[in-house]
Amino acid sequence: MKTFPFNLRGLVCGIITFLVFAVAGDAAGRERLVLGLPKLIDMAIEKSPEIAGTQSEIAGAKSELAQADAAYYPQLDTTFFAGPVENTKRPAIAGTRIIDPSQGTSIGAFGRADMTLTQPIYTFGKISNRREAAARGVAVREARLLQKRSEIVLRVKELYYGLVLSRAGVEAMRDTAGYFDDVRSRIDRLLKLGAQNVMESDLYRIDIYSANTVRSQAAAEEGMKTVYFALKSMIRLPADVDFDPADKMLTAAGRRLAGLQDYIDKALAGRPEFKQLEQAILAQKASVEGAISDRYPSFFAALVGSVAGAPGREKFDNPYITDTFNHVNGGIVGGMKWHFDFGILKARVEKERADYDKLLHTKATAELGIPIEVARRYHEVREWQAAVNAYKQVVASSRKWIVAALADFDMGVGTADDLLRSIERYGQNQEKYLEALFNYNMSLARLEHATGDEER
């Protein structure tokens, strides 16, 4: 037999070893993540464009609040301008006449700077009301952020529960299909032995009874792929990274419901939409007061100053005549500004009051609607909790029916039809139990969402 030289053999072994470790390393790199519901919720919130958009709204509202706060401080207005001016000497005054001693006319240049530093003193609430409205505006958007987070939590829960239950459904249908395969093997064996309690047609009955199981398994597999893709998209997981849910099965144990009124009180006190509405009402009330204050004067103090210079003109100092092009003056003054119009401010106040009344009516509607929604979610939880307990018992009884039917069939006193019906009902009850588990957990999640009490 021809052998490789030592060096070539070593090279081949080295390549094989490298490939083995490369494949192992790649497989380790593609190891599936295991993610629980709290982690998935955190990832979805962190990657959510809705959350990012609402945070941008909060940043904008805080900028408006900063503007309102800045209105308490002095404001400086400055004006600079320059242009051509006629050059001249200082005028002479003879009696009641002002004589221009200039001989001929030439054009020069001048420059001027005017400054006014204004400090509000009393504005009848113009500043304070708008500052209050801006602060409430920040609170409105912060409550909206909580609302968006709550909506994302509910969506993630729905997808996560759907993924866990669809995977469990696939396993349950495979379990049922395994029973049908076992019965097929038993019938084949008994037909070969010439047993009297089986017929050739029993093999066809297996296909008929197992059709619903095959359909349910296919539906569960497709549903699992759909919710997995949706959940993976929500958490922005890369396409080459996969994950498994941390839970293998949902449960209905260990959760006790409080009284209905407790949930209603919690919803009225802590629901983000309700907090958002309350802050919006306070903000609109401040806007109404701000519109009313616009109808009153504003008092202020001001530091004013002006500097001007024209090199081609001689400076003229006279306490009665101001030299527009050559001067330096300034001082502190007090003043009042009062705007009048013919109905504009009045209409603005009426419009702000109408918006305020609208919010009050919206709150009244919410106070009527929220308890109804909470009550509906509460009774849904109780309904599906009862269904879970019932179907859990039914599944256990169905399995016992299969065991008894198998024993009767093996002893020759039971028929294949009775055995197949027991397996079919077992699969149907498994499916209904899983559906009840999903609906129970989702109804509980919706109750938590309705009360503003999100749990993970």
Protein backbone atom coordinates (compact mmCIF):
# COMPACT_ATOMS: atom_id res chain seq x y z
CA MET A 1 0.00 0.00 0.00
CA LYS A 2 1.27 3.43 -0.97
CA THR A 3 1.86 5.72 2.01
CA PHE A 4 2.11 9.49 2.24
CA PRO A 5 5.47 10.98 3.09
CA PHE A 6 5.67 12.15 6.67
CA ASN A 7 5.43 15.87 5.82
CA LEU A 8 2.42 15.45 3.56
CA ARG A 9 0.67 13.26 6.10
CA GLY A 10 1.26 15.89 8.77
CA LEU A 11 -0.06 18.61 6.50
CA VAL A 12 -3.25 16.64 5.80
CA CYS A 13 -3.77 15.98 9.50
CA GLY A 14 -3.23 19.65 10.23
CA ILE A 15 -5.81 20.70 7.64
CA ILE A 16 -8.35 18.19 8.98
CA THR A 17 -7.74 19.39 12.54
CA PHE A 18 -8.15 23.00 11.47
CA LEU A 19 -11.43 22.23 9.68
CA VAL A 20 -12.78 20.33 12.69
CA PHE A 21 -12.02 23.21 15.04
CA ALA A 22 -13.31 25.76 12.53
CA VAL A 23 -16.62 23.94 12.22
CA ALA A 24 -16.84 23.54 15.99
CA GLY A 25 -16.03 27.22 16.48
CA ASP A 26 -18.64 28.25 13.93
CA ALA A 27 -21.23 26.04 15.61
CA ALA A 28 -20.36 27.57 18.98
CA GLY A 29 -20.61 31.04 17.46
CA ARG A 30 -24.08 30.23 16.22
CA GLU A 31 -25.26 28.87 19.55
CA ARG A 32 -28.90 29.79 20.13
CA LEU A 33 -29.68 32.36 22.78
CA VAL A 34 -32.15 31.59 25.55
CA LEU A 35 -34.28 34.65 26.26
CA GLY A 36 -36.96 35.02 28.90
CA LEU A 37 -39.91 37.39 28.80
CA PRO A 38 -38.30 40.20 30.92
CA LYS A 39 -35.20 40.24 28.71
CA LEU A 40 -37.28 40.29 25.53
CA ILE A 41 -39.35 43.20 26.87
CA ASP A 42 -36.19 45.17 27.71
CA MET A 43 -34.74 44.52 24.26
CA ALA A 44 -37.96 45.50 22.48
CA ILE A 45 -38.24 48.75 24.45
CA GLU A 46 -34.58 49.57 23.87
CA LYS A 47 -34.89 49.05 20.09
CA SER A 48 -38.37 50.51 19.62
CA PRO A 49 -38.63 53.45 17.19
CA GLU A 50 -41.89 54.43 18.93
CA ILE A 51 -40.03 54.85 22.21
CA ALA A 52 -37.28 56.82 20.49
CA GLY A 53 -39.86 59.07 18.84
CA THR A 54 -41.64 59.75 22.14
CA GLN A 55 -38.31 60.49 23.83
CA SER A 56 -37.67 63.07 21.10
CA GLU A 57 -41.05 64.61 21.91
CA ILE A 58 -40.02 64.81 25.57
CA ALA A 59 -36.78 66.53 24.59
CA GLY A 60 -38.78 69.05 22.53
CA ALA A 61 -41.18 69.67 25.41
CA LYS A 62 -38.25 70.26 27.79
CA SER A 63 -36.87 72.80 25.32
CA GLU A 64 -40.22 74.63 25.41
CA LEU A 65 -40.05 74.57 29.22
CA ALA A 66 -36.53 76.03 29.10
CA GLN A 67 -37.84 78.82 26.88
CA ALA A 68 -40.63 79.54 29.36
CA ASP A 69 -38.14 79.61 32.25
CA ALA A 70 -35.88 81.99 30.31
CA ALA A 71 -38.72 84.52 30.04
CA TYR A 72 -38.12 85.42 33.72
CA TYR A 73 -34.62 86.71 32.91
CA PRO A 74 -33.58 89.97 31.20
CA GLN A 75 -33.65 90.14 27.42
CA LEU A 76 -31.14 92.16 25.43
CA ASP A 77 -31.99 93.78 22.08
CA THR A 78 -29.20 95.42 20.08
CA THR A 79 -29.28 97.23 16.76
CA PHE A 80 -26.21 98.14 14.71
CA PHE A 81 -26.31 100.15 11.53
CA ALA A 82 -24.04 102.37 9.40
CA GLY A 83 -24.42 104.55 6.34
CA PRO A 84 -23.44 107.71 4.48
CA VAL A 85 -23.95 111.15 6.05
CA GLU A 86 -23.16 114.73 5.08
CA ASN A 87 -19.95 116.03 6.67
CA THR A 88 -20.36 119.32 8.54
CA LYS A 89 -18.97 121.52 11.27
CA ARG A 90 -20.71 122.21 14.53
CA PRO A 91 -23.57 124.70 14.00
CA ALA A 92 -23.61 128.16 15.58
CA ILE A 93 -26.57 129.62 17.40
CA ALA A 94 -27.34 133.29 16.96
CA GLY A 95 -30.38 134.28 18.92
CA THR A 96 -33.16 132.06 17.73
CA ARG A 97 -31.34 130.97 14.60
CA ILE A 98 -29.07 127.94 14.02
CA ILE A 99 -26.37 128.78 11.49
CA ASP A 100 -24.51 126.11 9.51
CA PRO A 101 -20.89 127.23 9.15
CA SER A 102 -19.98 124.50 6.66
CA GLN A 103 -18.56 125.61 3.33
CA GLY A 104 -19.61 123.18 0.58
CA THR A 105 -20.93 119.64 1.06
CA SER A 106 -19.05 116.34 1.23
CA ILE A 107 -20.23 112.83 2.08
CA GLY A 108 -18.79 110.81 4.93
CA ALA A 109 -19.88 107.79 6.98
CA PHE A 110 -21.40 107.16 10.37
CA GLY A 111 -22.10 104.19 12.63
CA ARG A 112 -24.57 103.67 15.47
CA ALA A 113 -25.39 101.03 18.08
CA ASP A 114 -28.58 100.98 20.19
CA MET A 115 -29.11 98.63 23.13
CA THR A 116 -32.11 97.83 25.35
CA LEU A 117 -31.90 95.39 28.29
CA THR A 118 -35.44 94.63 29.48
CA GLN A 119 -36.37 92.92 32.76
CA PRO A 120 -40.02 91.89 33.28
CA ILE A 121 -41.40 93.04 36.63
CA TYR A 122 -45.08 92.08 36.64
CA THR A 123 -47.03 90.52 33.76
CA PHE A 124 -50.34 89.40 35.35
CA GLY A 125 -49.33 85.75 34.85
CA LYS A 126 -48.23 85.83 31.21
CA ILE A 127 -44.91 84.15 32.06
CA SER A 128 -45.94 81.95 34.97
CA ASN A 129 -49.01 80.49 33.21
CA ARG A 130 -47.05 79.63 30.09
CA ARG A 131 -44.32 78.14 32.23
CA GLU A 132 -46.93 75.97 33.98
CA ALA A 133 -48.39 74.87 30.61
CA ALA A 134 -44.91 73.94 29.35
CA ALA A 135 -44.13 71.93 32.50
CA ARG A 136 -47.42 70.06 32.18
CA GLY A 137 -46.59 69.46 28.54
CA VAL A 138 -43.43 67.62 29.61
CA ALA A 139 -45.50 65.50 32.03
CA VAL A 140 -48.00 64.70 29.25
CA ARG A 141 -45.25 63.34 27.02
CA GLU A 142 -43.64 61.41 29.87
CA ALA A 143 -47.00 59.74 30.51
CA ARG A 144 -47.23 59.05 26.77
CA LEU A 145 -43.85 57.33 27.01
CA LEU A 146 -45.23 55.07 29.76
CA GLN A 147 -48.21 54.34 27.54
CA LYS A 148 -45.96 53.35 24.63
CA ARG A 149 -43.91 51.13 26.93
CA SER A 150 -47.11 49.51 28.17
CA GLU A 151 -48.26 48.83 24.61
CA ILE A 152 -44.91 47.27 23.72
CA VAL A 153 -45.00 45.08 26.83
CA LEU A 154 -48.43 43.80 25.81
CA ARG A 155 -47.31 43.07 22.24
CA VAL A 156 -44.19 41.23 23.41
CA LYS A 157 -46.23 39.16 25.86
CA GLU A 158 -48.67 38.19 23.13
CA LEU A 159 -45.86 37.09 20.81
CA TYR A 160 -43.91 35.34 23.55
CA TYR A 161 -46.93 33.42 24.83
CA GLY A 162 -47.81 32.53 21.25
CA LEU A 163 -44.28 31.25 20.61
CA VAL A 164 -44.18 29.14 23.80
CA LEU A 165 -47.64 27.69 23.19
CA SER A 166 -47.07 27.00 19.50
CA ARG A 167 -43.90 25.07 20.35
CA ALA A 168 -45.81 23.18 23.03
CA GLY A 169 -48.60 22.58 20.52
CA VAL A 170 -46.18 21.04 18.04
CA GLU A 171 -44.91 18.70 20.75
CA ALA A 172 -48.45 17.83 21.83
CA MET A 173 -49.49 16.97 18.27
CA ARG A 174 -46.34 14.88 17.85
CA ASP A 175 -47.29 13.04 21.05
CA THR A 176 -50.75 12.36 19.64
CA ALA A 177 -49.30 11.33 16.28
CA GLY A 178 -47.05 8.92 18.16
CA TYR A 179 -50.11 7.20 19.59
CA PHE A 180 -51.56 6.81 16.09
CA ASP A 181 -48.26 5.35 14.85
CA ASP A 182 -48.26 2.93 17.77
CA VAL A 183 -51.81 1.82 16.97
CA ARG A 184 -50.85 1.31 13.32
CA SER A 185 -48.01 -0.96 14.40
CA ARG A 186 -50.31 -2.91 16.72
CA ILE A 187 -52.95 -3.40 14.02
CA ASP A 188 -50.33 -4.53 11.50
CA ARG A 189 -49.04 -7.05 14.01
CA LEU A 190 -52.52 -8.32 14.92
CA LEU A 191 -53.54 -8.62 11.25
CA LYS A 192 -50.52 -10.82 10.60
CA LEU A 193 -51.49 -12.94 13.61
CA GLY A 194 -55.09 -13.22 12.33
CA ALA A 195 -56.66 -11.57 15.40
CA GLN A 196 -60.47 -11.37 15.34
CA ASN A 197 -60.79 -7.82 16.77
CA VAL A 198 -59.03 -6.08 13.85
CA MET A 199 -59.83 -5.57 10.19
CA GLU A 200 -57.96 -4.24 7.17
CA SER A 201 -60.24 -1.19 7.18
CA ASP A 202 -58.91 -0.23 10.62
CA LEU A 203 -55.75 0.99 8.91
CA TYR A 204 -57.85 3.44 6.88
CA ARG A 205 -59.59 4.64 10.02
CA ILE A 206 -56.19 5.69 11.38
CA ASP A 207 -55.75 8.13 8.50
CA ILE A 208 -59.24 9.52 9.04
CA TYR A 209 -58.83 10.01 12.79
CA SER A 210 -55.30 11.38 12.53
CA ALA A 211 -56.13 13.97 9.82
CA ASN A 212 -57.06 16.63 12.40
CA THR A 213 -53.82 15.98 14.28
CA VAL A 214 -51.77 16.43 11.12
CA ARG A 215 -53.60 19.66 10.32
CA SER A 216 -53.17 21.01 13.87
CA GLN A 217 -49.46 20.16 13.87
CA ALA A 218 -48.95 21.96 10.56
CA ALA A 219 -50.87 25.00 11.82
CA ALA A 220 -48.82 25.05 15.04
CA GLU A 221 -45.56 24.87 13.09
CA GLU A 222 -46.55 27.72 10.79
CA GLY A 223 -47.81 29.77 13.71
CA MET A 224 -44.53 29.17 15.53
CA LYS A 225 -42.54 30.45 12.54
CA THR A 226 -44.74 33.56 12.26
CA VAL A 227 -44.58 34.63 15.90
CA TYR A 228 -40.87 33.81 16.07
CA PHE A 229 -40.17 36.08 13.11
CA ALA A 230 -42.37 38.86 14.55
CA LEU A 231 -40.73 38.67 17.98
CA LYS A 232 -37.25 38.55 16.48
CA SER A 233 -38.08 41.65 14.44
CA MET A 234 -39.32 43.52 17.52
CA ILE A 235 -36.06 42.97 19.41
CA ARG A 236 -33.98 43.74 16.27
CA LEU A 237 -32.04 40.47 16.52
CA PRO A 238 -29.63 39.93 13.59
CA ALA A 239 -30.73 37.46 10.94
CA ASP A 240 -27.88 35.05 11.73
CA VAL A 241 -28.68 34.92 15.47
CA ASP A 242 -31.43 32.62 16.77
CA PHE A 243 -33.00 32.25 20.19
CA ASP A 244 -35.22 29.95 22.20
CA PRO A 245 -37.81 31.05 24.78
CA ALA A 246 -36.78 30.38 28.35
CA ASP A 247 -40.17 28.83 29.17
CA LYS A 248 -41.15 25.45 27.81
CA MET A 249 -44.77 25.77 28.91
CA LEU A 250 -47.02 28.49 30.27
CA THR A 251 -48.71 28.03 33.60
CA ALA A 252 -51.82 29.24 35.35
CA ALA A 253 -50.63 28.37 38.85
CA GLY A 254 -49.58 30.75 41.60
CA ARG A 255 -51.65 33.76 40.55
CA ARG A 256 -54.51 35.05 42.64
CA LEU A 257 -56.91 37.74 41.55
CA ALA A 258 -57.73 40.63 43.84
CA GLY A 259 -61.21 42.11 43.98
CA LEU A 260 -62.59 43.85 40.90
CA GLN A 261 -62.83 47.24 42.64
CA ASP A 262 -59.13 47.06 43.51
CA TYR A 263 -58.27 46.78 39.82
CA ILE A 264 -60.64 49.62 38.91
CA ASP A 265 -59.09 51.92 41.54
CA LYS A 266 -55.62 50.99 40.32
CA ALA A 267 -56.59 51.78 36.72
CA LEU A 268 -58.01 55.20 37.58
CA ALA A 269 -54.91 56.06 39.62
CA GLY A 270 -52.08 54.55 37.63
CA ARG A 271 -53.06 54.01 34.01
CA PRO A 272 -50.67 55.99 31.74
CA GLU A 273 -53.47 57.26 29.48
CA PHE A 274 -55.31 58.62 32.51
CA LYS A 275 -52.16 60.32 33.86
CA GLN A 276 -51.59 61.79 30.42
CA LEU A 277 -55.15 63.14 30.34
CA GLU A 278 -54.90 64.67 33.82
CA GLN A 279 -51.66 66.46 32.92
CA ALA A 280 -53.16 67.64 29.62
CA ILE A 281 -56.12 69.16 31.52
CA LEU A 282 -53.78 71.04 33.86
CA ALA A 283 -51.70 72.23 30.89
CA GLN A 284 -54.80 73.47 29.09
CA LYS A 285 -56.04 75.22 32.22
CA ALA A 286 -52.72 77.11 32.37
CA SER A 287 -53.14 77.98 28.69
CA VAL A 288 -56.56 79.47 29.44
CA GLU A 289 -55.09 81.58 32.25
CA GLY A 290 -52.25 82.64 29.96
CA ALA A 291 -54.68 83.77 27.27
CA ILE A 292 -56.61 85.79 29.87
CA SER A 293 -53.41 87.44 31.13
CA ASP A 294 -52.66 88.65 27.59
CA ARG A 295 -55.52 91.12 28.01
CA TYR A 296 -53.67 92.94 30.82
CA PRO A 297 -50.55 95.18 30.72
CA SER A 298 -46.99 94.11 31.40
CA PHE A 299 -44.64 96.20 33.56
CA PHE A 300 -40.90 96.18 33.05
CA ALA A 301 -37.61 97.94 33.82
CA ALA A 302 -35.06 98.60 31.11
CA LEU A 303 -31.47 99.68 30.73
CA VAL A 304 -31.14 101.65 27.48
CA GLY A 305 -28.05 102.95 25.75
CA SER A 306 -26.98 104.39 22.41
CA VAL A 307 -23.58 105.12 20.84
CA ALA A 308 -23.07 106.89 17.49
CA GLY A 309 -20.10 108.39 15.71
CA ALA A 310 -19.43 110.20 12.41
CA PRO A 311 -15.75 111.17 11.86
CA GLY A 312 -16.62 113.86 9.29
CA ARG A 313 -19.01 115.74 11.54
CA GLU A 314 -18.07 117.86 14.53
CA LYS A 315 -19.77 116.83 17.76
CA PHE A 316 -22.62 119.09 18.91
CA ASP A 317 -23.34 119.07 22.65
CA ASN A 318 -26.63 120.67 23.63
CA PRO A 319 -29.04 119.47 26.31
CA TYR A 320 -32.03 120.38 24.16
CA ILE A 321 -30.89 118.93 20.84
CA THR A 322 -29.78 115.33 20.31
CA ASP A 323 -26.96 114.77 17.86
CA THR A 324 -28.12 111.72 15.95
CA PHE A 325 -24.70 110.96 14.50
CA ASN A 326 -22.37 111.75 17.44
CA HIS A 327 -23.49 110.81 20.93
CA VAL A 328 -23.11 108.47 23.92
CA ASN A 329 -26.07 108.19 26.26
CA GLY A 330 -27.87 105.67 28.46
CA GLY A 331 -29.98 105.19 31.55
CA ILE A 332 -32.48 103.09 33.51
CA VAL A 333 -36.20 103.45 32.83
CA GLY A 334 -39.44 101.80 33.82
CA GLY A 335 -42.30 101.13 31.47
CA MET A 336 -45.60 99.44 30.70
CA LYS A 337 -46.68 97.60 27.56
CA TRP A 338 -50.38 97.04 26.88
CA HIS A 339 -51.80 95.51 23.74
CA PHE A 340 -55.35 96.24 22.58
CA ASP A 341 -57.29 94.70 19.73
CA PHE A 342 -60.90 94.38 18.66
CA GLY A 343 -61.84 90.81 19.61
CA ILE A 344 -58.72 88.75 18.79
CA LEU A 345 -57.68 88.17 22.41
CA LYS A 346 -61.25 87.52 23.46
CA ALA A 347 -61.69 84.88 20.75
CA ARG A 348 -58.39 83.28 21.77
CA VAL A 349 -59.58 82.95 25.37
CA GLU A 350 -62.84 81.36 24.22
CA LYS A 351 -60.95 78.90 22.03
CA GLU A 352 -58.65 77.86 24.90
CA ARG A 353 -61.67 77.42 27.19
CA ALA A 354 -63.40 75.26 24.59
CA ASP A 355 -60.33 73.00 24.38
CA TYR A 356 -60.26 72.83 28.18
CA ASP A 357 -63.93 71.81 28.33
CA LYS A 358 -63.30 69.18 25.68
CA LEU A 359 -60.58 67.60 27.80
CA LEU A 360 -62.88 67.59 30.83
CA HIS A 361 -65.52 65.74 28.81
CA THR A 362 -62.87 63.28 27.61
CA LYS A 363 -61.88 62.62 31.21
CA ALA A 364 -65.51 62.06 32.20
CA THR A 365 -65.89 59.59 29.34
CA ALA A 366 -62.71 57.78 30.42
CA GLU A 367 -63.94 57.58 34.01
CA LEU A 368 -67.01 55.78 32.68
CA GLY A 369 -65.22 53.59 30.12
CA ILE A 370 -62.15 52.46 32.04
CA PRO A 371 -64.09 50.60 34.79
CA ILE A 372 -66.09 48.80 32.09
CA GLU A 373 -62.93 47.74 30.28
CA VAL A 374 -61.28 46.60 33.52
CA ALA A 375 -64.37 44.61 34.49
CA ARG A 376 -64.43 42.92 31.07
CA ARG A 377 -60.76 41.97 31.31
CA TYR A 378 -61.23 40.80 34.89
CA HIS A 379 -64.06 38.43 34.01
CA GLU A 380 -62.13 37.16 30.98
CA VAL A 381 -59.31 36.12 33.32
CA ARG A 382 -61.72 34.26 35.56
CA GLU A 383 -63.41 32.61 32.58
CA TRP A 384 -60.15 31.31 31.09
CA GLN A 385 -58.82 30.33 34.50
CA ALA A 386 -61.84 28.04 34.88
CA ALA A 387 -61.31 26.74 31.35
CA VAL A 388 -57.65 25.92 32.08
CA ASN A 389 -58.58 23.97 35.20
CA ALA A 390 -61.33 22.09 33.34
CA TYR A 391 -59.25 21.16 30.30
CA LYS A 392 -56.29 20.18 32.46
CA GLN A 393 -58.50 17.60 34.12
CA VAL A 394 -59.96 16.55 30.77
CA VAL A 395 -56.48 15.98 29.30
CA ALA A 396 -55.58 13.76 32.25
CA SER A 397 -58.83 11.81 31.81
CA SER A 398 -58.23 11.50 28.06
CA ARG A 399 -54.81 9.97 28.67
CA LYS A 400 -56.34 7.45 31.08
CA TRP A 401 -58.94 6.64 28.42
CA ILE A 402 -56.12 5.85 25.95
CA VAL A 403 -54.40 3.59 28.47
CA ALA A 404 -57.64 1.71 29.17
CA ALA A 405 -58.51 1.46 25.48
CA LEU A 406 -55.02 0.12 24.68
CA ALA A 407 -55.36 -2.52 27.39
CA ASP A 408 -58.78 -3.60 26.08
CA PHE A 409 -57.50 -3.65 22.51
CA ASP A 410 -54.48 -5.78 23.40
CA MET A 411 -56.73 -8.23 25.25
CA GLY A 412 -59.02 -8.47 22.23
CA VAL A 413 -62.11 -7.05 23.94
CA GLY A 414 -61.77 -3.53 22.54
CA THR A 415 -62.19 -2.27 19.00
CA ALA A 416 -59.77 -0.19 16.96
CA ASP A 417 -62.50 2.42 16.48
CA ASP A 418 -62.85 2.96 20.22
CA LEU A 419 -59.06 3.22 20.61
CA LEU A 420 -58.73 5.70 17.75
CA ARG A 421 -61.55 7.86 19.12
CA SER A 422 -59.79 8.04 22.49
CA ILE A 423 -56.55 9.19 20.82
CA GLU A 424 -58.41 11.74 18.66
CA ARG A 425 -60.19 13.22 21.67
CA TYR A 426 -56.90 13.31 23.57
CA GLY A 427 -55.33 15.40 20.80
CA GLN A 428 -58.35 17.72 20.65
CA ASN A 429 -58.34 18.21 24.42
CA GLN A 430 -54.61 18.90 24.39
CA GLU A 431 -55.21 21.57 21.76
CA LYS A 432 -58.04 23.14 23.76
CA TYR A 433 -55.97 23.07 26.95
CA LEU A 434 -53.11 24.92 25.26
CA GLU A 435 -55.56 27.41 23.77
CA ALA A 436 -57.05 28.00 27.23
CA LEU A 437 -53.57 28.50 28.69
CA PHE A 438 -52.73 31.09 26.03
CA ASN A 439 -56.02 32.94 26.49
CA TYR A 440 -55.66 32.91 30.27
CA ASN A 441 -52.17 34.40 30.18
CA MET A 442 -53.18 36.94 27.53
CA SER A 443 -56.33 37.97 29.41
CA LEU A 444 -54.20 38.45 32.52
CA ALA A 445 -51.73 40.55 30.49
CA ARG A 446 -54.61 42.65 29.13
CA LEU A 447 -55.95 43.13 32.66
CA GLU A 448 -52.53 44.34 33.79
CA HIS A 449 -52.38 46.63 30.76
CA ALA A 450 -55.86 48.00 31.51
CA THR A 451 -54.87 48.82 35.09
CA GLY A 452 -51.45 50.27 34.21
CA ASP A 453 -49.78 47.59 36.31
CA GLU A 454 -47.38 45.87 33.92
CA GLU A 455 -45.67 42.76 35.24
CA ARG A 456 -42.86 40.80 33.65
